[in-house]
C-alpha atoms as a PDB file:
ATOM      1  CA  UNK A   1     171.588  -1.285 -62.856  1.00  0.00           C
ATOM      2  CA  UNK A   2     168.922   1.360 -63.419  1.00  0.00           C
ATOM      3  CA  UNK A   3     169.656   4.993 -64.306  1.00  0.00           C
ATOM      4  CA  UNK A   4     167.925   6.072 -61.102  1.00  0.00           C
ATOM      5  CA  UNK A   5     170.218   3.901 -59.017  1.00  0.00           C
ATOM      6  CA  UNK A   6     173.296   5.255 -60.764  1.00  0.00           C
ATOM      7  CA  UNK A   7     172.121   8.861 -60.183  1.00  0.00           C
ATOM      8  CA  UNK A   8     171.421   8.148 -56.530  1.00  0.00           C
ATOM      9  CA  UNK A   9     174.923   6.833 -56.030  1.00  0.00           C
ATOM     10  CA  UNK A  10     176.623   9.634 -57.964  1.00  0.00           C
ATOM     11  CA  UNK A  11     174.952  12.354 -55.916  1.00  0.00           C
ATOM     12  CA  UNK A  12     172.614  15.179 -56.878  1.00  0.00           C
ATOM     13  CA  UNK A  13     173.022  16.514 -60.404  1.00  0.00           C
ATOM     14  CA  UNK A  14     173.697  20.205 -60.933  1.00  0.00           C
ATOM     15  CA  UNK A  15     172.122  20.254 -64.398  1.00  0.00           C
ATOM     16  CA  UNK A  16     168.537  19.209 -65.067  1.00  0.00           C
ATOM     17  CA  UNK A  17     167.689  18.551 -68.766  1.00  0.00           C
ATOM     18  CA  UNK A  18     163.950  19.107 -68.370  1.00  0.00           C
ATOM     19  CA  UNK A  19     164.450  22.470 -66.662  1.00  0.00           C
ATOM     20  CA  UNK A  20     166.952  23.394 -69.376  1.00  0.00           C
ATOM     21  CA  UNK A  21     164.523  22.464 -72.147  1.00  0.00           C
ATOM     22  CA  UNK A  22     161.722  24.519 -70.625  1.00  0.00           C
ATOM     23  CA  UNK A  23     164.062  27.485 -70.135  1.00  0.00           C
ATOM     24  CA  UNK A  24     165.335  27.331 -73.713  1.00  0.00           C
ATOM     25  CA  UNK A  25     161.747  27.211 -74.935  1.00  0.00           C
ATOM     26  CA  UNK A  26     160.873  30.291 -72.865  1.00  0.00           C
ATOM     27  CA  UNK A  27     163.943  32.276 -73.927  1.00  0.00           C
ATOM     28  CA  UNK A  28     163.787  31.366 -77.586  1.00  0.00           C
ATOM     29  CA  UNK A  29     160.082  31.830 -78.124  1.00  0.00           C
ATOM     30  CA  UNK A  30     159.169  33.842 -81.181  1.00  0.00           C
ATOM     31  CA  UNK A  31     158.889  37.255 -79.486  1.00  0.00           C
ATOM     32  CA  UNK A  32     161.949  36.971 -77.259  1.00  0.00           C
ATOM     33  CA  UNK A  33     164.048  35.431 -80.031  1.00  0.00           C
ATOM     34  CA  UNK A  34     163.277  38.396 -82.280  1.00  0.00           C
ATOM     35  CA  UNK A  35     164.381  40.778 -79.530  1.00  0.00           C
ATOM     36  CA  UNK A  36     167.558  38.779 -78.940  1.00  0.00           C
ATOM     37  CA  UNK A  37     168.368  38.750 -82.663  1.00  0.00           C
ATOM     38  CA  UNK A  38     167.712  42.465 -83.219  1.00  0.00           C
ATOM     39  CA  UNK A  39     170.902  43.784 -81.615  1.00  0.00           C
ATOM     40  CA  UNK A  40     173.303  41.308 -83.293  1.00  0.00           C
ATOM     41  CA  UNK A  41     171.594  42.029 -86.623  1.00  0.00           C
ATOM     42  CA  UNK A  42     172.105  45.752 -86.044  1.00  0.00           C
ATOM     43  CA  UNK A  43     175.779  45.178 -85.176  1.00  0.00           C
ATOM     44  CA  UNK A  44     176.358  43.209 -88.368  1.00  0.00           C
ATOM     45  CA  UNK A  45     174.492  45.790 -90.429  1.00  0.00           C
ATOM     46  CA  UNK A  46     176.610  48.591 -88.963  1.00  0.00           C
ATOM     47  CA  UNK A  47     179.778  46.566 -89.546  1.00  0.00           C
ATOM     48  CA  UNK A  48     178.975  45.934 -93.205  1.00  0.00           C
ATOM     49  CA  UNK A  49     178.075  49.594 -93.755  1.00  0.00           C
ATOM     50  CA  UNK A  50     181.269  50.800 -92.057  1.00  0.00           C
ATOM     51  CA  UNK A  51     183.442  48.390 -94.047  1.00  0.00           C
ATOM     52  CA  UNK A  52     181.827  49.444 -97.338  1.00  0.00           C
ATOM     53  CA  UNK A  53     182.035  53.161 -96.607  1.00  0.00           C
ATOM     54  CA  UNK A  54     185.357  53.373 -94.751  1.00  0.00           C
ATOM     55  CA  UNK A  55     187.241  50.219 -95.612  1.00  0.00           C
ATOM     56  CA  UNK A  56     189.222  48.167 -93.105  1.00  0.00           C
ATOM     57  CA  UNK A  57     190.418  50.393 -90.284  1.00  0.00           C
ATOM     58  CA  UNK A  58     191.602  49.218 -86.876  1.00  0.00           C
ATOM     59  CA  UNK A  59     190.515  52.348 -85.007  1.00  0.00           C
ATOM     60  CA  UNK A  60     187.022  52.213 -86.479  1.00  0.00           C
ATOM     61  CA  UNK A  61     186.728  48.489 -85.761  1.00  0.00           C
ATOM     62  CA  UNK A  62     187.819  49.094 -82.172  1.00  0.00           C
ATOM     63  CA  UNK A  63     185.194  51.818 -81.815  1.00  0.00           C
ATOM     64  CA  UNK A  64     182.353  49.660 -83.134  1.00  0.00           C
ATOM     65  CA  UNK A  65     183.327  46.511 -81.242  1.00  0.00           C
ATOM     66  CA  UNK A  66     184.123  48.285 -77.999  1.00  0.00           C
ATOM     67  CA  UNK A  67     181.593  51.100 -78.141  1.00  0.00           C
ATOM     68  CA  UNK A  68     178.565  49.240 -79.426  1.00  0.00           C
ATOM     69  CA  UNK A  69     179.117  45.477 -79.190  1.00  0.00           C
ATOM     70  CA  UNK A  70     180.753  45.198 -75.764  1.00  0.00           C
ATOM     71  CA  UNK A  71     179.404  48.335 -74.092  1.00  0.00           C
ATOM     72  CA  UNK A  72     175.787  48.134 -75.277  1.00  0.00           C
ATOM     73  CA  UNK A  73     174.813  44.909 -77.016  1.00  0.00           C
ATOM     74  CA  UNK A  74     176.388  42.418 -74.617  1.00  0.00           C
ATOM     75  CA  UNK A  75     174.844  43.775 -71.380  1.00  0.00           C
ATOM     76  CA  UNK A  76     171.427  44.231 -73.013  1.00  0.00           C
ATOM     77  CA  UNK A  77     171.414  40.649 -74.251  1.00  0.00           C
ATOM     78  CA  UNK A  78     172.517  39.618 -70.765  1.00  0.00           C
ATOM     79  CA  UNK A  79     169.488  41.421 -69.336  1.00  0.00           C
ATOM     80  CA  UNK A  80     167.118  39.644 -71.713  1.00  0.00           C
ATOM     81  CA  UNK A  81     168.647  36.190 -71.212  1.00  0.00           C
ATOM     82  CA  UNK A  82     169.407  36.443 -67.492  1.00  0.00           C
ATOM     83  CA  UNK A  83     166.131  37.907 -66.295  1.00  0.00           C
ATOM     84  CA  UNK A  84     164.132  35.956 -68.869  1.00  0.00           C
ATOM     85  CA  UNK A  85     165.493  32.639 -67.607  1.00  0.00           C
ATOM     86  CA  UNK A  86     163.457  32.855 -64.397  1.00  0.00           C
ATOM     87  CA  UNK A  87     161.849  36.281 -63.935  1.00  0.00           C
ATOM     88  CA  UNK A  88     158.665  35.645 -65.951  1.00  0.00           C
ATOM     89  CA  UNK A  89     158.008  32.386 -64.073  1.00  0.00           C
ATOM     90  CA  UNK A  90     158.184  34.212 -60.750  1.00  0.00           C
ATOM     91  CA  UNK A  91     156.095  37.123 -62.028  1.00  0.00           C
ATOM     92  CA  UNK A  92     153.202  34.997 -63.326  1.00  0.00           C
ATOM     93  CA  UNK A  93     153.353  32.473 -60.496  1.00  0.00           C
ATOM     94  CA  UNK A  94     154.138  29.495 -62.730  1.00  0.00           C
ATOM     95  CA  UNK A  95     157.345  28.948 -60.759  1.00  0.00           C
ATOM     96  CA  UNK A  96     155.259  27.098 -58.151  1.00  0.00           C
ATOM     97  CA  UNK A  97     154.816  24.195 -60.580  1.00  0.00           C
ATOM     98  CA  UNK A  98     158.578  23.976 -60.976  1.00  0.00           C
ATOM     99  CA  UNK A  99     159.201  24.248 -57.244  1.00  0.00           C
ATOM    100  CA  UNK A 100     156.708  21.435 -56.615  1.00  0.00           C
ATOM    101  CA  UNK A 101     158.892  19.033 -58.596  1.00  0.00           C
ATOM    102  CA  UNK A 102     161.546  16.931 -56.824  1.00  0.00           C
ATOM    103  CA  UNK A 103     164.369  19.093 -58.137  1.00  0.00           C
ATOM    104  CA  UNK A 104     166.749  20.875 -55.797  1.00  0.00           C
ATOM    105  CA  UNK A 105     166.480  24.632 -56.116  1.00  0.00           C
ATOM    106  CA  UNK A 106     170.223  25.249 -56.544  1.00  0.00           C
ATOM    107  CA  UNK A 107     170.006  22.771 -59.442  1.00  0.00           C
ATOM    108  CA  UNK A 108     167.214  24.861 -60.969  1.00  0.00           C
ATOM    109  CA  UNK A 109     169.301  28.019 -60.675  1.00  0.00           C
ATOM    110  CA  UNK A 110     172.466  26.414 -62.057  1.00  0.00           C
ATOM    111  CA  UNK A 111     170.578  24.906 -64.989  1.00  0.00           C
ATOM    112  CA  UNK A 112     168.937  28.207 -65.811  1.00  0.00           C
ATOM    113  CA  UNK A 113     172.308  29.953 -65.555  1.00  0.00           C
ATOM    114  CA  UNK A 114     173.853  27.507 -68.033  1.00  0.00           C
ATOM    115  CA  UNK A 115     170.985  28.148 -70.455  1.00  0.00           C
ATOM    116  CA  UNK A 116     171.231  31.928 -70.011  1.00  0.00           C
ATOM    117  CA  UNK A 117     174.993  31.809 -70.622  1.00  0.00           C
ATOM    118  CA  UNK A 118     174.523  29.678 -73.725  1.00  0.00           C
ATOM    119  CA  UNK A 119     171.950  32.062 -75.155  1.00  0.00           C
ATOM    120  CA  UNK A 120     173.982  35.154 -74.233  1.00  0.00           C
ATOM    121  CA  UNK A 121     177.208  33.853 -75.763  1.00  0.00           C
ATOM    122  CA  UNK A 122     175.409  32.749 -78.924  1.00  0.00           C
ATOM    123  CA  UNK A 123     173.724  36.106 -79.463  1.00  0.00           C
ATOM    124  CA  UNK A 124     176.656  38.291 -78.367  1.00  0.00           C
ATOM    125  CA  UNK A 125     180.092  36.673 -78.646  1.00  0.00           C
ATOM    126  CA  UNK A 126     179.532  34.975 -81.998  1.00  0.00           C
ATOM    127  CA  UNK A 127     178.102  38.091 -83.722  1.00  0.00           C
ATOM    128  CA  UNK A 128     180.971  40.127 -82.245  1.00  0.00           C
ATOM    129  CA  UNK A 129     183.474  37.714 -83.760  1.00  0.00           C
ATOM    130  CA  UNK A 130     181.782  37.874 -87.170  1.00  0.00           C
ATOM    131  CA  UNK A 131     181.515  41.673 -86.989  1.00  0.00           C
ATOM    132  CA  UNK A 132     185.222  41.911 -86.183  1.00  0.00           C
ATOM    133  CA  UNK A 133     186.160  39.899 -89.243  1.00  0.00           C
ATOM    134  CA  UNK A 134     183.817  42.020 -91.374  1.00  0.00           C
ATOM    135  CA  UNK A 135     185.275  45.276 -90.049  1.00  0.00           C
ATOM    136  CA  UNK A 136     188.985  44.579 -90.382  1.00  0.00           C
ATOM    137  CA  UNK A 137     189.578  40.874 -90.934  1.00  0.00           C
ATOM    138  CA  UNK A 138     190.744  40.351 -87.341  1.00  0.00           C
ATOM    139  CA  UNK A 139     193.647  42.746 -87.796  1.00  0.00           C
ATOM    140  CA  UNK A 140     195.531  43.185 -84.493  1.00  0.00           C
ATOM    141  CA  UNK A 141     193.444  40.280 -83.177  1.00  0.00           C
ATOM    142  CA  UNK A 142     190.537  42.636 -82.450  1.00  0.00           C
ATOM    143  CA  UNK A 143     187.780  40.252 -83.560  1.00  0.00           C
ATOM    144  CA  UNK A 144     188.988  37.387 -81.374  1.00  0.00           C
ATOM    145  CA  UNK A 145     189.813  39.687 -78.446  1.00  0.00           C
ATOM    146  CA  UNK A 146     186.411  41.342 -78.351  1.00  0.00           C
ATOM    147  CA  UNK A 147     184.611  38.034 -78.918  1.00  0.00           C
ATOM    148  CA  UNK A 148     186.435  36.565 -75.913  1.00  0.00           C
ATOM    149  CA  UNK A 149     185.571  39.646 -73.864  1.00  0.00           C
ATOM    150  CA  UNK A 150     181.922  39.321 -74.901  1.00  0.00           C
ATOM    151  CA  UNK A 151     181.921  35.656 -73.866  1.00  0.00           C
ATOM    152  CA  UNK A 152     183.358  36.207 -70.391  1.00  0.00           C
ATOM    153  CA  UNK A 153     181.144  39.263 -69.860  1.00  0.00           C
ATOM    154  CA  UNK A 154     178.117  37.165 -70.875  1.00  0.00           C
ATOM    155  CA  UNK A 155     178.863  34.715 -68.077  1.00  0.00           C
ATOM    156  CA  UNK A 156     178.997  37.427 -65.415  1.00  0.00           C
ATOM    157  CA  UNK A 157     176.006  39.337 -66.789  1.00  0.00           C
ATOM    158  CA  UNK A 158     173.917  36.164 -66.937  1.00  0.00           C
ATOM    159  CA  UNK A 159     174.601  35.437 -63.271  1.00  0.00           C
ATOM    160  CA  UNK A 160     173.941  39.033 -62.180  1.00  0.00           C
ATOM    161  CA  UNK A 161     170.685  39.375 -64.095  1.00  0.00           C
ATOM    162  CA  UNK A 162     169.504  35.885 -63.131  1.00  0.00           C
ATOM    163  CA  UNK A 163     169.956  36.984 -59.525  1.00  0.00           C
ATOM    164  CA  UNK A 164     167.934  40.138 -60.207  1.00  0.00           C
ATOM    165  CA  UNK A 165     165.189  37.928 -61.616  1.00  0.00           C
ATOM    166  CA  UNK A 166     164.936  36.121 -58.282  1.00  0.00           C
ATOM    167  CA  UNK A 167     165.023  39.163 -55.991  1.00  0.00           C
ATOM    168  CA  UNK A 168     162.723  41.668 -57.711  1.00  0.00           C
ATOM    169  CA  UNK A 169     159.661  41.698 -59.948  1.00  0.00           C
ATOM    170  CA  UNK A 170     161.209  44.667 -61.742  1.00  0.00           C
ATOM    171  CA  UNK A 171     164.298  42.767 -62.827  1.00  0.00           C
ATOM    172  CA  UNK A 172     164.224  44.005 -66.422  1.00  0.00           C
ATOM    173  CA  UNK A 173     164.036  47.647 -65.337  1.00  0.00           C
ATOM    174  CA  UNK A 174     166.777  47.142 -62.745  1.00  0.00           C
ATOM    175  CA  UNK A 175     168.893  45.321 -65.317  1.00  0.00           C
ATOM    176  CA  UNK A 176     168.474  48.082 -67.887  1.00  0.00           C
ATOM    177  CA  UNK A 177     169.423  50.707 -65.313  1.00  0.00           C
ATOM    178  CA  UNK A 178     172.548  48.730 -64.454  1.00  0.00           C
ATOM    179  CA  UNK A 179     173.467  48.065 -68.087  1.00  0.00           C
ATOM    180  CA  UNK A 180     172.752  51.516 -69.492  1.00  0.00           C
ATOM    181  CA  UNK A 181     173.477  53.789 -66.540  1.00  0.00           C
ATOM    182  CA  UNK A 182     176.158  52.075 -64.486  1.00  0.00           C
ATOM    183  CA  UNK A 183     178.049  50.224 -67.221  1.00  0.00           C
ATOM    184  CA  UNK A 184     177.680  52.728 -70.053  1.00  0.00           C
ATOM    185  CA  UNK A 185     177.742  56.026 -68.143  1.00  0.00           C
ATOM    186  CA  UNK A 186     179.456  55.644 -64.779  1.00  0.00           C
ATOM    187  CA  UNK A 187     181.676  52.806 -65.994  1.00  0.00           C
ATOM    188  CA  UNK A 188     183.064  55.012 -68.748  1.00  0.00           C
ATOM    189  CA  UNK A 189     183.049  58.438 -67.115  1.00  0.00           C
ATOM    190  CA  UNK A 190     183.755  57.867 -63.408  1.00  0.00           C
ATOM    191  CA  UNK A 191     187.221  56.463 -62.776  1.00  0.00           C
ATOM    192  CA  UNK A 192     186.396  54.807 -59.450  1.00  0.00           C
ATOM    193  CA  UNK A 193     183.352  53.041 -60.863  1.00  0.00           C
ATOM    194  CA  UNK A 194     185.380  51.355 -63.577  1.00  0.00           C
ATOM    195  CA  UNK A 195     186.830  48.897 -61.104  1.00  0.00           C
ATOM    196  CA  UNK A 196     183.293  47.617 -60.465  1.00  0.00           C
ATOM    197  CA  UNK A 197     182.363  47.370 -64.131  1.00  0.00           C
ATOM    198  CA  UNK A 198     181.937  44.005 -65.850  1.00  0.00           C
ATOM    199  CA  UNK A 199     182.800  45.780 -69.086  1.00  0.00           C
ATOM    200  CA  UNK A 200     186.210  46.802 -67.718  1.00  0.00           C
ATOM    201  CA  UNK A 201     186.855  43.296 -66.399  1.00  0.00           C
ATOM    202  CA  UNK A 202     186.143  41.804 -69.801  1.00  0.00           C
ATOM    203  CA  UNK A 203     188.266  44.465 -71.492  1.00  0.00           C
ATOM    204  CA  UNK A 204     191.208  43.210 -69.429  1.00  0.00           C
ATOM    205  CA  UNK A 205     190.750  39.825 -71.097  1.00  0.00           C
ATOM    206  CA  UNK A 206     190.535  41.459 -74.521  1.00  0.00           C
ATOM    207  CA  UNK A 207     193.651  43.534 -73.802  1.00  0.00           C
ATOM    208  CA  UNK A 208     195.608  40.358 -73.065  1.00  0.00           C
ATOM    209  CA  UNK A 209     194.486  38.689 -76.302  1.00  0.00           C
ATOM    210  CA  UNK A 210     194.815  41.647 -78.687  1.00  0.00           C
ATOM    211  CA  UNK A 211     198.080  41.882 -80.587  1.00  0.00           C
ATOM    212  CA  UNK A 212     198.369  45.660 -80.168  1.00  0.00           C
ATOM    213  CA  UNK A 213     197.657  48.196 -77.416  1.00  0.00           C
ATOM    214  CA  UNK A 214     194.434  49.379 -79.070  1.00  0.00           C
ATOM    215  CA  UNK A 215     192.429  47.906 -76.189  1.00  0.00           C
ATOM    216  CA  UNK A 216     192.981  49.134 -72.643  1.00  0.00           C
ATOM    217  CA  UNK A 217     191.333  48.410 -69.316  1.00  0.00           C
ATOM    218  CA  UNK A 218     191.495  50.168 -65.975  1.00  0.00           C
ATOM    219  CA  UNK A 219     191.566  46.771 -64.247  1.00  0.00           C
ATOM    220  CA  UNK A 220     194.528  44.409 -64.348  1.00  0.00           C
ATOM    221  CA  UNK A 221     193.935  40.903 -65.687  1.00  0.00           C
ATOM    222  CA  UNK A 222     194.499  38.995 -62.394  1.00  0.00           C
ATOM    223  CA  UNK A 223     192.042  41.220 -60.531  1.00  0.00           C
ATOM    224  CA  UNK A 224     189.598  41.093 -63.453  1.00  0.00           C
ATOM    225  CA  UNK A 225     189.590  37.281 -63.422  1.00  0.00           C
ATOM    226  CA  UNK A 226     189.070  37.181 -59.649  1.00  0.00           C
ATOM    227  CA  UNK A 227     186.173  39.655 -59.899  1.00  0.00           C
ATOM    228  CA  UNK A 228     184.541  37.875 -62.841  1.00  0.00           C
ATOM    229  CA  UNK A 229     184.672  34.518 -61.083  1.00  0.00           C
ATOM    230  CA  UNK A 230     183.729  35.970 -57.705  1.00  0.00           C
ATOM    231  CA  UNK A 231     180.694  37.857 -58.971  1.00  0.00           C
ATOM    232  CA  UNK A 232     179.486  34.881 -61.020  1.00  0.00           C
ATOM    233  CA  UNK A 233     179.802  32.414 -58.151  1.00  0.00           C
ATOM    234  CA  UNK A 234     178.352  34.772 -55.540  1.00  0.00           C
ATOM    235  CA  UNK A 235     175.389  35.806 -57.680  1.00  0.00           C
ATOM    236  CA  UNK A 236     174.616  32.171 -58.525  1.00  0.00           C
ATOM    237  CA  UNK A 237     174.851  31.087 -54.906  1.00  0.00           C
ATOM    238  CA  UNK A 238     172.637  33.912 -53.668  1.00  0.00           C
ATOM    239  CA  UNK A 239     170.072  33.308 -56.414  1.00  0.00           C
ATOM    240  CA  UNK A 240     169.844  29.685 -55.306  1.00  0.00           C
ATOM    241  CA  UNK A 241     169.396  30.819 -51.728  1.00  0.00           C
ATOM    242  CA  UNK A 242     166.632  33.264 -52.688  1.00  0.00           C
ATOM    243  CA  UNK A 243     164.829  30.622 -54.719  1.00  0.00           C
ATOM    244  CA  UNK A 244     165.098  28.204 -51.796  1.00  0.00           C
ATOM    245  CA  UNK A 245     163.377  30.828 -49.629  1.00  0.00           C
ATOM    246  CA  UNK A 246     160.316  30.899 -51.880  1.00  0.00           C
ATOM    247  CA  UNK A 247     157.324  28.875 -50.728  1.00  0.00           C
ATOM    248  CA  UNK A 248     155.005  27.057 -53.092  1.00  0.00           C
ATOM    249  CA  UNK A 249     152.666  30.036 -52.886  1.00  0.00           C
ATOM    250  CA  UNK A 250     155.373  32.103 -54.571  1.00  0.00           C
ATOM    251  CA  UNK A 251     155.930  34.325 -51.512  1.00  0.00           C
ATOM    252  CA  UNK A 252     158.965  34.388 -49.273  1.00  0.00           C
END
């Protein structure tokens, strides 16, 4: 029995390898890869310098991992990966070639989301884990806790910023405003806004994993999980709907 026949009987696939390959190639091109690698490199450089100058200290490690890695690096990488997975194709009109292929548009969105998540986790969660071990050897479970928080935050950020890439030609600017203004400023300073902060949701995960009360979140873990899943699913669904609304001319 042919592969085509098997696919036809098993129903439409959610993941398309060709779309994934093209998306990886776009995200990991020389220029974008350098941008993606810059922040993790800076985190590791800071971590080494702090360890050499101050030694292993839990409070310092918590400040670097929470204040720089989770609050700044993770959302910025999410902006680059999420918007870069589809935004440039819509901006330059090349998306019409993709839309002309016999691939369902929700499949395109889901595939691009998987790629964006993979890139985001690789360039944020893994460096956070390494930085945590450099800073204090995973004392109090901080390295693992913050790496897990970075991973779950990467999933939500990827979905949010992928959606922005489908709804506006200024997705990068909108993403930076969200990441730097809402998450970093309002999310930390305005109590009511913290409930709607991906950073706070991911901190709830980190708080559960950490072996000491050095990590705190304003959102309880059950609510955080519901919000993380809800935002990811809703953003992905709406992005698929917006892409379905595009005509082959690139206009809605």
